[in-house]
Protein backbone atom coordinates (compact mmCIF):
# COMPACT_ATOMS: atom_id res chain seq x y z
CA MET A 1 92.81 85.38 113.78
CA ARG A 2 91.06 88.24 112.09
CA GLY A 3 88.85 87.66 109.10
CA ARG A 4 88.22 89.25 105.75
CA SER A 5 85.64 91.65 107.13
CA TRP A 6 88.26 93.12 109.45
CA ILE A 7 90.69 93.63 106.57
CA LYS A 8 87.95 95.14 104.41
CA ALA A 9 87.00 97.54 107.20
CA LEU A 10 90.65 98.49 107.56
CA ARG A 11 90.93 99.24 103.83
CA GLN A 12 87.69 101.24 103.88
CA GLU A 13 88.97 103.37 106.75
CA GLU A 14 92.24 103.92 104.90
CA ALA A 15 90.28 104.97 101.78
CA ARG A 16 88.26 107.40 103.90
CA GLN A 17 91.47 108.97 105.19
CA VAL A 18 92.89 109.25 101.68
CA ARG A 19 89.68 110.95 100.48
CA ALA A 20 89.95 113.45 103.33
CA ARG A 21 93.58 114.14 102.43
CA LEU A 22 92.61 114.58 98.76
CA ALA A 23 90.01 117.17 99.71
CA GLU A 24 92.55 119.02 101.84
CA LEU A 25 95.16 118.99 99.06
CA GLU A 26 92.66 120.26 96.51
CA ARG A 27 91.63 123.08 98.83
CA ASN A 28 95.28 123.99 99.38
CA LEU A 29 96.05 123.90 95.69
CA THR A 30 93.15 126.13 94.71
CA ALA A 31 93.36 128.52 97.68
CA ALA A 32 94.16 132.08 96.67
CA TYR A 33 95.93 132.93 99.91
CA PRO A 34 98.71 132.72 100.80
CA PRO A 35 100.40 132.90 97.42
CA ARG A 36 102.35 129.69 97.01
CA SER A 37 105.67 129.32 95.33
CA ARG A 38 105.94 127.21 92.22
CA ARG A 39 107.80 124.51 94.14
CA GLN A 40 105.06 124.27 96.78
CA ARG A 41 102.39 123.98 94.09
CA GLN A 42 104.38 121.26 92.35
CA GLU A 43 104.84 119.31 95.58
CA THR A 44 101.14 119.60 96.34
CA GLY A 45 100.35 118.44 92.79
CA HIS A 46 102.62 115.41 93.13
CA GLU A 47 101.11 114.50 96.47
CA LEU A 48 97.63 114.93 95.00
CA ARG A 49 98.43 112.63 92.08
CA ASN A 50 99.92 110.00 94.40
CA ALA A 51 96.89 110.16 96.72
CA LYS A 52 94.52 109.70 93.76
CA PHE A 53 96.51 106.67 92.61
CA ARG A 54 96.47 105.22 96.15
CA LEU A 55 92.71 105.75 96.41
CA LYS A 56 92.13 104.01 93.08
CA ARG A 57 94.17 101.01 94.23
CA LEU A 58 92.33 100.86 97.55
CA GLU A 59 88.95 101.00 95.83
CA GLU A 60 89.99 98.16 93.51
CA CYS A 61 91.15 96.13 96.51
CA ILE A 62 87.88 96.77 98.39
CA ALA A 63 85.79 95.89 95.32
CA ALA A 64 87.64 92.58 94.93
CA MET A 65 86.85 91.50 98.49
CA PRO A 66 83.67 89.48 99.00
């Protein structure tokens, strides 16, 4: 049986991956080239918002673990 530290490490790794994805999305959203269609920008914006929400929830979960 795996303990709390294993679960916490799992959540921290997931948060690290979400942070990396956030950085990538922000770069893509602000990149000048190639010109993106409005739909692509909206999809990127939605994904960015969802990733930020997910990161916030993960950080709350990690903070609550002893």
